[in-house]
Protein backbone atom coordinates (compact mmCIF):
# COMPACT_ATOMS: atom_id res chain seq x y z
CA MET A 1 -13.34 14.33 -11.15
CA LEU A 2 -11.69 14.61 -7.47
CA ASN A 3 -8.70 16.58 -6.75
CA HIS A 4 -6.57 15.66 -4.03
CA ARG A 5 -7.65 18.07 -1.65
CA THR A 6 -11.37 17.07 -2.29
CA LEU A 7 -10.22 13.34 -1.99
CA LEU A 8 -8.43 13.78 1.40
CA TYR A 9 -11.22 16.29 2.53
CA ARG A 10 -13.81 13.51 2.17
CA LEU A 11 -11.52 10.93 3.99
CA VAL A 12 -10.51 13.12 6.68
CA THR A 13 -14.34 13.47 7.54
CA ALA A 14 -15.27 10.29 7.03
CA ALA A 15 -16.30 7.94 9.96
CA ALA A 16 -13.31 5.73 9.70
CA LEU A 17 -9.55 6.89 10.62
CA PRO A 18 -8.11 7.99 7.25
CA MET A 19 -4.90 8.98 6.57
CA ALA A 20 -3.14 10.31 3.57
CA LEU A 21 0.33 8.92 3.10
CA THR A 22 2.64 10.96 0.36
CA ALA A 23 5.74 9.78 -0.13
CA CYS A 24 8.09 8.68 -3.26
CA ALA A 25 6.25 5.26 -4.73
CA SER A 26 9.69 3.91 -5.55
CA SER A 27 12.97 3.86 -3.38
CA GLY A 28 15.34 2.93 -6.55
CA PRO A 29 15.49 0.39 -9.07
CA SER A 30 17.28 -2.09 -6.51
CA THR A 31 14.38 -1.96 -4.32
CA GLN A 32 11.85 -2.36 -6.50
CA ASP A 33 14.19 -5.40 -8.28
CA ALA A 34 14.53 -6.94 -4.70
CA ILE A 35 10.67 -6.69 -4.18
CA MET A 36 9.62 -8.33 -7.36
CA ALA A 37 12.10 -11.13 -7.04
CA GLY A 38 11.17 -11.66 -3.36
CA MET A 39 9.02 -14.62 -1.88
CA LEU A 40 5.46 -14.18 0.16
CA GLY A 41 5.76 -14.86 3.65
CA GLU A 42 3.25 -15.83 6.46
CA GLU A 43 -0.47 -14.18 6.53
CA GLU A 44 -1.18 -11.43 8.75
CA ASN A 45 -3.98 -10.25 10.12
CA SER A 46 -3.09 -6.61 10.19
CA VAL A 47 -0.26 -3.87 9.67
CA CYS A 48 -0.21 -1.69 12.59
CA PHE A 49 0.56 1.82 12.81
CA THR A 50 -0.15 3.15 9.31
CA ARG A 51 1.40 6.27 9.75
CA ASN A 52 4.79 4.49 9.86
CA ILE A 53 4.32 3.26 6.18
CA ARG A 54 7.45 4.62 4.33
CA SER A 55 6.84 3.82 0.96
CA TRP A 56 4.91 1.46 -1.53
CA HIS A 57 5.11 -0.39 -4.85
CA ASP A 58 2.86 -1.63 -7.20
CA PHE A 59 3.46 -5.35 -7.27
CA ASP A 60 0.59 -6.39 -10.11
CA ASP A 61 -2.63 -5.37 -11.35
CA ARG A 62 -4.26 -6.53 -7.68
CA SER A 63 -1.50 -5.91 -5.20
CA ILE A 64 0.90 -3.79 -3.74
CA VAL A 65 4.07 -3.94 -1.59
CA ILE A 66 4.31 -1.67 1.51
CA GLU A 67 7.29 -0.83 3.47
CA THR A 68 7.02 0.15 7.09
CA LEU A 69 9.62 2.30 9.06
CA ARG A 70 11.23 -0.64 10.35
CA ASP A 71 11.95 -2.19 7.01
CA GLU A 72 9.34 -4.53 7.12
CA TYR A 73 7.47 -5.56 3.90
CA TYR A 74 3.99 -6.36 3.54
CA LYS A 75 2.08 -7.47 0.19
CA LEU A 76 -1.46 -6.41 0.31
CA GLU A 77 -4.16 -8.25 -2.32
CA LEU A 78 -6.83 -5.64 -3.30
CA ALA A 79 -10.32 -6.13 -4.87
CA GLY A 80 -12.35 -3.23 -6.37
CA GLY A 81 -12.37 -0.47 -8.91
CA CYS A 82 -8.81 0.85 -8.02
CA ASN A 83 -5.94 0.36 -10.30
CA THR A 84 -2.50 -0.01 -8.33
CA ARG A 85 -0.47 1.25 -11.40
CA ASN A 86 -2.14 4.53 -10.32
CA SER A 87 -0.38 4.48 -7.07
CA PHE A 88 1.89 7.58 -7.99
CA MET A 89 2.66 10.26 -5.54
CA GLN A 90 0.14 9.49 -2.74
CA ILE A 91 -2.28 6.77 -1.26
CA ALA A 92 -5.05 7.16 1.06
CA VAL A 93 -6.14 4.37 3.39
CA GLU A 94 -9.29 4.08 5.59
CA SER A 95 -9.02 1.86 8.68
CA ARG A 96 -11.62 0.78 10.62
CA GLY A 97 -9.45 -0.60 13.31
CA GLY A 98 -7.70 2.68 14.37
CA SER A 99 -4.11 2.62 13.47
CA CYS A 100 -4.43 -0.73 12.15
CA LEU A 101 -5.03 -1.56 8.36
CA GLY A 102 -6.37 -5.18 7.83
CA PRO A 103 -8.55 -6.98 5.33
CA GLY A 104 -11.62 -5.08 4.80
CA ASP A 105 -10.05 -1.62 4.94
CA ARG A 106 -9.86 0.30 1.87
CA ILE A 107 -6.81 1.82 -0.26
CA SER A 108 -7.27 4.65 -2.89
CA PHE A 109 -4.53 5.83 -5.31
CA ASP A 110 -4.06 9.42 -6.36
CA ARG A 111 -5.00 8.82 -10.03
CA ASP A 112 -8.00 6.81 -9.38
CA GLN A 113 -10.33 9.44 -9.36
CA GLY A 114 -11.94 8.56 -6.33
CA LEU A 115 -12.27 4.73 -6.75
CA SER A 116 -10.94 2.75 -3.99
CA CYS A 117 -10.18 -1.15 -3.27
CA ALA A 118 -10.65 -3.47 -0.37
CA ILE A 119 -7.82 -5.31 1.30
CA THR A 120 -8.66 -8.96 0.96
CA GLN A 121 -5.08 -10.59 2.39
CA ILE A 122 -2.10 -9.34 3.93
CA ASN A 123 1.27 -11.27 3.95
CA ARG A 124 4.51 -10.69 4.94
CA TRP A 125 6.88 -10.14 1.79
CA HIS A 126 10.36 -11.23 1.99
CA LEU A 127 12.81 -9.30 -0.25
CA ALA A 128 15.29 -11.23 -2.50
CA ASP A 129 18.76 -10.80 -1.36
CA GLU A 130 21.75 -8.91 -3.74
CA GLU A 131 22.99 -12.57 -4.32
CA GLU A 132 19.59 -13.66 -6.08
CA LEU A 133 19.57 -10.47 -8.03
CA SER A 134 22.90 -10.97 -9.49
CA PHE A 135 22.83 -12.59 -12.87
């Protein structure tokens, strides 16, 4: 079983540009509710400046929604052995494109014991308005 330091060390020494991102996986119930009630937007080729990922939220078993420092949200569809429910305190990204994350790049989660997933698709994600969340 890999611990966080071993996993991070392996990622840092890999040929791709890896980055470990540590943040709170959720910024509150209102944000999570707005994400879950949100809408899929246009498909994107990449999310650049991966160091600016502020937070992430598990969406379902095969996707997560990331938030950038510019308050932009992106849904990342994933394929592979990782489990998005394991994205607790840390995610690690391996980008072949330097500071941009795109299809084919990999993501792993802190509780997945070294397993990673490939990004298969990136879409903008539009949060639901407060009015849409009111019942």
